[in-house]
Amino acid sequence: MKKAMIAMAIVTLVSLMPGAAFASSTTSTYRGGDGHGGDGHGMDMGGHDAGNVPTVDGAREIKVTAGRFRFTPKEITIAAGEDVTIVMKSTDLFHDFVVKGTGHVVGAKRKKTAMGGLRIDEPGTYKFWCSVKGHRAAGMKGTLVVE
């Protein structure tokens, strides 16, 4: 817990530096635990990208629209071990896409589109949400089915 809080503080500080670029501290392969933002309370990114997970060439693209405190689609299905690219378009504010057990996948600034890679090896049902403060509570969440 203490290590996670220190890591989160470092990521937050680095993300606030002008021109800072850094890789995601989580991998896109399921490793257990909640990952970045996994406590459900999220982190207000203040309009800064949190470091999108790199994509894999040739991965299937899944288009997600984020806006008005909802994701479209609200349910996504992928195969276990499949590399996919989440192509997220924000229609209004900064939003991100966080998967329980995996962490931050992608964040898109206001009225922009961004991509992040995702791969989950373990079949199951996972929750995803926007970790910007208040967005998840307002209904910005969905379900990821891994078959």
N, C-alpha and C. Protein backbone atom coordinates (compact mmCIF):
# COMPACT_ATOMS: atom_id res chain seq x y z
N MET A 1 0.83 -1.19 0.00
CA MET A 1 0.00 0.00 0.00
C MET A 1 0.87 1.24 0.00
N LYS A 2 1.89 1.25 0.88
CA LYS A 2 2.77 2.40 0.98
C LYS A 2 3.56 2.60 -0.31
N LYS A 3 4.06 1.49 -0.90
CA LYS A 3 4.79 1.57 -2.15
C LYS A 3 3.89 2.08 -3.27
N ALA A 4 2.64 1.62 -3.28
CA ALA A 4 1.70 2.07 -4.31
C ALA A 4 1.43 3.56 -4.19
N MET A 5 1.32 4.07 -2.97
CA MET A 5 1.07 5.49 -2.77
C MET A 5 2.27 6.32 -3.21
N ILE A 6 3.48 5.84 -2.92
CA ILE A 6 4.69 6.54 -3.34
C ILE A 6 4.78 6.55 -4.86
N ALA A 7 4.51 5.39 -5.48
CA ALA A 7 4.55 5.30 -6.94
C ALA A 7 3.53 6.25 -7.57
N MET A 8 2.32 6.30 -7.01
CA MET A 8 1.27 7.18 -7.52
C MET A 8 1.69 8.64 -7.40
N ALA A 9 2.32 9.00 -6.30
CA ALA A 9 2.79 10.38 -6.10
C ALA A 9 3.85 10.74 -7.13
N ILE A 10 4.76 9.82 -7.42
CA ILE A 10 5.80 10.07 -8.41
C ILE A 10 5.18 10.23 -9.79
N VAL A 11 4.26 9.34 -10.16
CA VAL A 11 3.60 9.43 -11.46
C VAL A 11 2.86 10.76 -11.59
N THR A 12 2.17 11.16 -10.53
CA THR A 12 1.45 12.43 -10.55
C THR A 12 2.39 13.60 -10.74
N LEU A 13 3.48 13.63 -10.00
CA LEU A 13 4.45 14.72 -10.13
C LEU A 13 5.05 14.78 -11.52
N VAL A 14 5.44 13.64 -12.06
CA VAL A 14 6.02 13.61 -13.39
C VAL A 14 5.01 14.07 -14.43
N SER A 15 3.75 13.67 -14.29
CA SER A 15 2.73 14.04 -15.27
C SER A 15 2.45 15.53 -15.26
N LEU A 16 2.75 16.21 -14.18
CA LEU A 16 2.50 17.64 -14.09
C LEU A 16 3.64 18.47 -14.66
N MET A 17 4.78 17.84 -14.95
CA MET A 17 5.92 18.56 -15.51
C MET A 17 5.64 18.86 -16.98
N PRO A 18 5.88 20.11 -17.42
CA PRO A 18 5.65 20.44 -18.83
C PRO A 18 6.51 19.57 -19.73
N GLY A 19 5.88 19.01 -20.76
CA GLY A 19 6.61 18.21 -21.73
C GLY A 19 7.06 16.85 -21.24
N ALA A 20 6.61 16.45 -20.07
CA ALA A 20 7.05 15.16 -19.54
C ALA A 20 6.42 14.03 -20.34
N ALA A 21 7.20 13.03 -20.58
CA ALA A 21 6.70 11.82 -21.24
C ALA A 21 7.22 10.64 -20.45
N PHE A 22 6.35 9.71 -20.17
CA PHE A 22 6.77 8.54 -19.42
C PHE A 22 5.92 7.36 -19.79
N ALA A 23 6.43 6.19 -19.59
CA ALA A 23 5.70 4.97 -19.90
C ALA A 23 4.79 4.63 -18.75
N SER A 24 3.73 3.91 -19.06
CA SER A 24 2.82 3.45 -18.03
C SER A 24 3.56 2.55 -17.06
N SER A 25 3.23 2.66 -15.78
CA SER A 25 3.88 1.83 -14.77
C SER A 25 3.23 0.46 -14.67
N THR A 26 2.17 0.24 -15.44
CA THR A 26 1.54 -1.06 -15.43
C THR A 26 1.66 -1.68 -16.81
N THR A 27 1.56 -2.97 -16.87
CA THR A 27 1.55 -3.63 -18.16
C THR A 27 0.11 -3.89 -18.54
N SER A 28 -0.12 -4.19 -19.79
CA SER A 28 -1.48 -4.44 -20.22
C SER A 28 -1.87 -5.91 -20.07
N THR A 29 -1.03 -6.70 -19.49
CA THR A 29 -1.36 -8.09 -19.22
C THR A 29 -1.85 -8.22 -17.79
N TYR A 30 -2.94 -8.93 -17.59
CA TYR A 30 -3.50 -9.07 -16.26
C TYR A 30 -2.48 -9.70 -15.32
N ARG A 31 -2.26 -9.10 -14.17
CA ARG A 31 -1.32 -9.63 -13.19
C ARG A 31 -1.94 -9.71 -11.80
N GLY A 32 -3.23 -9.43 -11.69
CA GLY A 32 -3.88 -9.46 -10.38
C GLY A 32 -3.80 -8.12 -9.70
N GLY A 33 -4.57 -7.95 -8.64
CA GLY A 33 -4.61 -6.67 -7.94
C GLY A 33 -5.45 -5.67 -8.70
N ASP A 34 -5.52 -4.46 -8.18
CA ASP A 34 -6.35 -3.46 -8.80
C ASP A 34 -5.64 -2.61 -9.83
N GLY A 35 -4.32 -2.53 -9.77
CA GLY A 35 -3.62 -1.69 -10.71
C GLY A 35 -3.87 -0.23 -10.43
N HIS A 36 -3.46 0.59 -11.31
CA HIS A 36 -3.58 2.05 -11.23
C HIS A 36 -5.06 2.45 -11.16
N GLY A 37 -5.44 3.15 -10.13
CA GLY A 37 -6.83 3.59 -10.01
C GLY A 37 -7.77 2.50 -9.55
N GLY A 38 -7.25 1.38 -9.10
CA GLY A 38 -8.06 0.22 -8.80
C GLY A 38 -8.91 0.34 -7.56
N ASP A 39 -8.73 1.38 -6.77
CA ASP A 39 -9.55 1.50 -5.57
C ASP A 39 -10.92 2.07 -5.88
N GLY A 40 -11.14 2.43 -7.14
CA GLY A 40 -12.44 2.92 -7.53
C GLY A 40 -12.63 4.40 -7.32
N HIS A 41 -11.70 5.04 -6.62
CA HIS A 41 -11.84 6.47 -6.38
C HIS A 41 -11.19 7.28 -7.49
N GLY A 42 -10.24 6.67 -8.19
CA GLY A 42 -9.63 7.33 -9.33
C GLY A 42 -8.71 8.46 -8.95
N MET A 43 -8.15 9.07 -9.99
CA MET A 43 -7.21 10.15 -9.80
C MET A 43 -7.56 11.23 -10.79
N ASP A 44 -7.68 12.45 -10.35
CA ASP A 44 -7.98 13.56 -11.24
C ASP A 44 -6.71 13.90 -12.00
N MET A 45 -6.69 13.61 -13.29
CA MET A 45 -5.51 13.81 -14.10
C MET A 45 -5.32 15.27 -14.50
N GLY A 46 -6.28 16.12 -14.24
CA GLY A 46 -6.13 17.54 -14.53
C GLY A 46 -5.90 17.82 -16.00
N GLY A 47 -6.37 16.94 -16.88
CA GLY A 47 -6.22 17.17 -18.30
C GLY A 47 -4.91 16.65 -18.87
N HIS A 48 -4.10 15.96 -18.10
CA HIS A 48 -2.83 15.42 -18.58
C HIS A 48 -2.97 13.94 -18.86
N ASP A 49 -2.35 13.49 -19.95
CA ASP A 49 -2.33 12.06 -20.23
C ASP A 49 -1.55 11.35 -19.14
N ALA A 50 -1.95 10.15 -18.81
CA ALA A 50 -1.29 9.38 -17.76
C ALA A 50 -0.27 8.42 -18.34
N GLY A 51 0.02 8.49 -19.62
CA GLY A 51 0.96 7.56 -20.24
C GLY A 51 0.21 6.38 -20.81
N ASN A 52 -0.20 6.48 -22.06
CA ASN A 52 -0.98 5.42 -22.68
C ASN A 52 -0.12 4.18 -22.91
N VAL A 53 -0.73 3.01 -22.72
CA VAL A 53 -0.03 1.75 -22.91
C VAL A 53 0.28 1.60 -24.40
N PRO A 54 1.50 1.21 -24.74
CA PRO A 54 1.85 1.03 -26.16
C PRO A 54 0.93 0.00 -26.82
N THR A 55 0.69 0.20 -28.11
CA THR A 55 -0.15 -0.72 -28.88
C THR A 55 0.72 -1.73 -29.61
N VAL A 56 0.10 -2.81 -30.06
CA VAL A 56 0.78 -3.86 -30.82
C VAL A 56 0.34 -3.75 -32.28
N ASP A 57 1.31 -3.72 -33.20
CA ASP A 57 0.98 -3.66 -34.63
C ASP A 57 0.05 -4.80 -35.02
N GLY A 58 -0.99 -4.47 -35.76
CA GLY A 58 -1.93 -5.48 -36.24
C GLY A 58 -3.00 -5.86 -35.25
N ALA A 59 -2.99 -5.28 -34.05
CA ALA A 59 -4.01 -5.61 -33.05
C ALA A 59 -5.38 -5.12 -33.50
N ARG A 60 -6.40 -5.85 -33.14
CA ARG A 60 -7.77 -5.43 -33.44
C ARG A 60 -8.07 -4.13 -32.72
N GLU A 61 -8.68 -3.18 -33.44
CA GLU A 61 -9.04 -1.89 -32.85
C GLU A 61 -10.47 -1.93 -32.34
N ILE A 62 -10.64 -1.44 -31.12
CA ILE A 62 -11.97 -1.33 -30.52
C ILE A 62 -12.22 0.15 -30.28
N LYS A 63 -13.22 0.69 -30.98
CA LYS A 63 -13.53 2.11 -30.86
C LYS A 63 -14.43 2.34 -29.65
N VAL A 64 -14.02 3.30 -28.82
CA VAL A 64 -14.77 3.65 -27.61
C VAL A 64 -14.96 5.16 -27.62
N THR A 65 -16.19 5.60 -27.38
CA THR A 65 -16.47 7.02 -27.25
C THR A 65 -16.66 7.31 -25.77
N ALA A 66 -15.99 8.37 -25.30
CA ALA A 66 -16.09 8.78 -23.90
C ALA A 66 -16.62 10.20 -23.86
N GLY A 67 -17.74 10.38 -23.18
CA GLY A 67 -18.30 11.72 -23.06
C GLY A 67 -19.63 11.69 -22.34
N ARG A 68 -20.00 12.85 -21.80
CA ARG A 68 -21.25 12.98 -21.05
C ARG A 68 -21.37 11.91 -19.97
N PHE A 69 -20.24 11.62 -19.34
CA PHE A 69 -20.16 10.68 -18.22
C PHE A 69 -20.63 9.28 -18.56
N ARG A 70 -20.30 8.84 -19.79
CA ARG A 70 -20.58 7.45 -20.17
C ARG A 70 -19.60 7.02 -21.25
N PHE A 71 -19.45 5.69 -21.35
CA PHE A 71 -18.68 5.07 -22.41
C PHE A 71 -19.64 4.42 -23.39
N THR A 72 -19.30 4.47 -24.66
CA THR A 72 -20.04 3.73 -25.68
C THR A 72 -19.00 2.97 -26.49
N PRO A 73 -19.07 1.64 -26.49
CA PRO A 73 -20.04 0.77 -25.84
C PRO A 73 -19.75 0.61 -24.35
N LYS A 74 -20.75 0.13 -23.62
CA LYS A 74 -20.61 -0.11 -22.18
C LYS A 74 -20.10 -1.54 -21.91
N GLU A 75 -20.17 -2.39 -22.93
CA GLU A 75 -19.65 -3.75 -22.79
C GLU A 75 -18.77 -4.08 -23.99
N ILE A 76 -17.60 -4.62 -23.70
CA ILE A 76 -16.63 -4.98 -24.72
C ILE A 76 -16.24 -6.44 -24.49
N THR A 77 -16.12 -7.20 -25.58
CA THR A 77 -15.72 -8.60 -25.48
C THR A 77 -14.44 -8.80 -26.27
N ILE A 78 -13.46 -9.46 -25.64
CA ILE A 78 -12.20 -9.81 -26.31
C ILE A 78 -11.87 -11.27 -25.97
N ALA A 79 -10.95 -11.84 -26.71
CA ALA A 79 -10.50 -13.21 -26.43
C ALA A 79 -9.34 -13.15 -25.43
N ALA A 80 -9.24 -14.14 -24.59
CA ALA A 80 -8.12 -14.24 -23.66
C ALA A 80 -6.82 -14.30 -24.47
N GLY A 81 -5.86 -13.49 -24.08
CA GLY A 81 -4.57 -13.45 -24.77
C GLY A 81 -4.55 -12.64 -26.05
N GLU A 82 -5.67 -12.03 -26.39
CA GLU A 82 -5.75 -11.22 -27.62
C GLU A 82 -5.20 -9.82 -27.37
N ASP A 83 -4.34 -9.36 -28.26
CA ASP A 83 -3.89 -7.97 -28.21
C ASP A 83 -4.92 -7.11 -28.92
N VAL A 84 -5.42 -6.10 -28.22
CA VAL A 84 -6.36 -5.16 -28.83
C VAL A 84 -5.85 -3.74 -28.60
N THR A 85 -6.34 -2.84 -29.42
CA THR A 85 -6.04 -1.42 -29.27
C THR A 85 -7.35 -0.71 -28.95
N ILE A 86 -7.40 -0.05 -27.80
CA ILE A 86 -8.56 0.76 -27.46
C ILE A 86 -8.34 2.12 -28.11
N VAL A 87 -9.22 2.47 -29.04
CA VAL A 87 -9.16 3.76 -29.73
C VAL A 87 -10.27 4.61 -29.10
N MET A 88 -9.88 5.48 -28.19
CA MET A 88 -10.87 6.23 -27.42
C MET A 88 -10.94 7.68 -27.87
N LYS A 89 -12.16 8.09 -28.19
CA LYS A 89 -12.43 9.47 -28.58
C LYS A 89 -13.17 10.16 -27.44
N SER A 90 -12.62 11.27 -26.98
CA SER A 90 -13.29 12.07 -25.96
C SER A 90 -14.12 13.14 -26.66
N THR A 91 -15.38 13.22 -26.32
CA THR A 91 -16.25 14.20 -26.97
C THR A 91 -16.36 15.51 -26.20
N ASP A 92 -15.84 15.54 -24.97
CA ASP A 92 -16.00 16.77 -24.19
C ASP A 92 -14.78 17.10 -23.33
N LEU A 93 -14.50 16.33 -22.29
CA LEU A 93 -13.43 16.60 -21.33
C LEU A 93 -12.32 15.56 -21.45
N PHE A 94 -11.27 15.68 -20.63
CA PHE A 94 -10.29 14.61 -20.53
C PHE A 94 -10.97 13.41 -19.87
N HIS A 95 -10.79 12.25 -20.46
CA HIS A 95 -11.27 11.00 -19.89
C HIS A 95 -10.18 9.96 -20.06
N ASP A 96 -10.21 8.96 -19.19
CA ASP A 96 -9.30 7.84 -19.37
C ASP A 96 -10.07 6.53 -19.26
N PHE A 97 -9.37 5.45 -19.56
CA PHE A 97 -9.95 4.11 -19.59
C PHE A 97 -9.07 3.23 -18.72
N VAL A 98 -9.60 2.82 -17.57
CA VAL A 98 -8.87 2.03 -16.58
C VAL A 98 -9.59 0.70 -16.44
N VAL A 99 -8.82 -0.39 -16.43
CA VAL A 99 -9.40 -1.73 -16.28
C VAL A 99 -8.96 -2.32 -14.96
N LYS A 100 -9.91 -2.83 -14.19
CA LYS A 100 -9.59 -3.44 -12.90
C LYS A 100 -8.64 -4.61 -13.12
N GLY A 101 -7.54 -4.61 -12.38
CA GLY A 101 -6.55 -5.65 -12.48
C GLY A 101 -5.46 -5.36 -13.49
N THR A 102 -5.68 -4.39 -14.34
CA THR A 102 -4.71 -4.03 -15.37
C THR A 102 -4.21 -2.61 -15.17
N GLY A 103 -5.11 -1.70 -14.89
CA GLY A 103 -4.74 -0.30 -14.68
C GLY A 103 -5.09 0.57 -15.86
N HIS A 104 -4.39 1.69 -15.93
CA HIS A 104 -4.61 2.69 -16.97
C HIS A 104 -4.25 2.11 -18.33
N VAL A 105 -5.14 2.27 -19.31
CA VAL A 105 -4.89 1.82 -20.68
C VAL A 105 -4.67 3.01 -21.59
N VAL A 106 -5.61 3.97 -21.54
CA VAL A 106 -5.53 5.12 -22.44
C VAL A 106 -6.25 6.31 -21.82
N GLY A 107 -5.75 7.49 -22.13
CA GLY A 107 -6.40 8.75 -21.74
C GLY A 107 -6.44 9.64 -22.96
N ALA A 108 -7.56 10.32 -23.15
CA ALA A 108 -7.71 11.21 -24.30
C ALA A 108 -8.11 12.60 -23.82
N LYS A 109 -7.39 13.58 -24.31
CA LYS A 109 -7.69 14.96 -23.96
C LYS A 109 -8.99 15.41 -24.61
N ARG A 110 -9.48 16.53 -24.16
CA ARG A 110 -10.73 17.13 -24.62
C ARG A 110 -10.81 17.14 -26.15
N LYS A 111 -11.87 16.49 -26.67
CA LYS A 111 -12.17 16.44 -28.10
C LYS A 111 -11.03 15.86 -28.94
N LYS A 112 -10.28 14.92 -28.35
CA LYS A 112 -9.18 14.25 -29.06
C LYS A 112 -9.41 12.74 -29.03
N THR A 113 -8.66 12.05 -29.87
CA THR A 113 -8.69 10.60 -29.90
C THR A 113 -7.30 10.10 -29.56
N ALA A 114 -7.23 9.06 -28.74
CA ALA A 114 -5.95 8.47 -28.34
C ALA A 114 -6.09 6.95 -28.35
N MET A 115 -4.94 6.25 -28.39
CA MET A 115 -4.94 4.79 -28.45
C MET A 115 -4.09 4.21 -27.33
N GLY A 116 -4.53 3.06 -26.83
CA GLY A 116 -3.77 2.34 -25.82
C GLY A 116 -3.94 0.85 -26.02
N GLY A 117 -2.89 0.09 -25.75
CA GLY A 117 -2.92 -1.35 -25.93
C GLY A 117 -3.48 -2.07 -24.71
N LEU A 118 -4.13 -3.19 -24.97
CA LEU A 118 -4.69 -4.00 -23.89
C LEU A 118 -4.57 -5.47 -24.26
N ARG A 119 -4.18 -6.26 -23.27
CA ARG A 119 -4.14 -7.72 -23.41
C ARG A 119 -4.40 -8.29 -22.03
N ILE A 120 -5.39 -9.16 -21.94
CA ILE A 120 -5.69 -9.85 -20.69
C ILE A 120 -5.67 -11.34 -20.99
N ASP A 121 -4.84 -12.06 -20.29
CA ASP A 121 -4.66 -13.48 -20.55
C ASP A 121 -5.68 -14.36 -19.83
N GLU A 122 -6.23 -13.88 -18.73
CA GLU A 122 -7.12 -14.68 -17.89
C GLU A 122 -8.58 -14.41 -18.25
N PRO A 123 -9.34 -15.44 -18.70
CA PRO A 123 -10.76 -15.24 -18.99
C PRO A 123 -11.50 -14.77 -17.74
N GLY A 124 -12.54 -14.00 -17.96
CA GLY A 124 -13.37 -13.52 -16.86
C GLY A 124 -14.08 -12.25 -17.24
N THR A 125 -14.74 -11.67 -16.26
CA THR A 125 -15.45 -10.41 -16.44
C THR A 125 -14.75 -9.35 -15.62
N TYR A 126 -14.37 -8.26 -16.27
CA TYR A 126 -13.61 -7.18 -15.65
C TYR A 126 -14.39 -5.88 -15.77
N LYS A 127 -14.18 -5.00 -14.83
CA LYS A 127 -14.81 -3.68 -14.87
C LYS A 127 -13.83 -2.68 -15.47
N PHE A 128 -14.36 -1.71 -16.22
CA PHE A 128 -13.55 -0.59 -16.65
C PHE A 128 -14.28 0.70 -16.31
N TRP A 129 -13.52 1.80 -16.17
CA TRP A 129 -14.10 3.08 -15.78
C TRP A 129 -13.17 4.22 -16.12
N CYS A 130 -13.68 5.43 -15.98
CA CYS A 130 -12.88 6.65 -16.09
C CYS A 130 -12.47 7.02 -14.66
N SER A 131 -11.16 7.24 -14.47
CA SER A 131 -10.68 7.51 -13.11
C SER A 131 -10.64 8.99 -12.75
N VAL A 132 -11.10 9.86 -13.65
CA VAL A 132 -11.17 11.28 -13.29
C VAL A 132 -12.19 11.42 -12.16
N LYS A 133 -11.82 12.19 -11.16
CA LYS A 133 -12.64 12.32 -9.96
C LYS A 133 -14.11 12.62 -10.30
N GLY A 134 -14.98 11.77 -9.78
CA GLY A 134 -16.42 11.94 -9.94
C GLY A 134 -17.01 11.30 -11.18
N HIS A 135 -16.20 10.96 -12.18
CA HIS A 135 -16.74 10.42 -13.43
C HIS A 135 -17.31 9.01 -13.26
N ARG A 136 -16.60 8.16 -12.54
CA ARG A 136 -17.10 6.80 -12.32
C ARG A 136 -18.42 6.83 -11.55
N ALA A 137 -18.48 7.65 -10.51
CA ALA A 137 -19.69 7.76 -9.70
C ALA A 137 -20.86 8.28 -10.53
N ALA A 138 -20.56 9.08 -11.55
CA ALA A 138 -21.60 9.64 -12.41
C ALA A 138 -22.06 8.64 -13.48
N GLY A 139 -21.45 7.45 -13.51
CA GLY A 139 -21.89 6.41 -14.43
C GLY A 139 -20.92 6.07 -15.53
N MET A 140 -19.72 6.62 -15.49
CA MET A 140 -18.74 6.37 -16.54
C MET A 140 -17.97 5.09 -16.24
N LYS A 141 -18.62 3.96 -16.57
CA LYS A 141 -18.06 2.64 -16.29
C LYS A 141 -18.67 1.62 -17.24
N GLY A 142 -18.03 0.47 -17.33
CA GLY A 142 -18.53 -0.57 -18.21
C GLY A 142 -17.95 -1.92 -17.84
N THR A 143 -18.22 -2.91 -18.71
CA THR A 143 -17.80 -4.28 -18.46
C THR A 143 -16.97 -4.79 -19.63
N LEU A 144 -15.87 -5.46 -19.30
CA LEU A 144 -15.00 -6.08 -20.29
C LEU A 144 -15.08 -7.58 -20.08
N VAL A 145 -15.55 -8.30 -21.10
CA VAL A 145 -15.68 -9.75 -21.02
C VAL A 145 -14.50 -10.36 -21.78
N VAL A 146 -13.73 -11.19 -21.08
CA VAL A 146 -12.59 -11.87 -21.69
C VAL A 146 -12.95 -13.34 -21.78
N GLU A 147 -13.08 -13.82 -23.01
CA GLU A 147 -13.52 -15.22 -23.24
C GLU A 147 -12.36 -16.16 -23.49
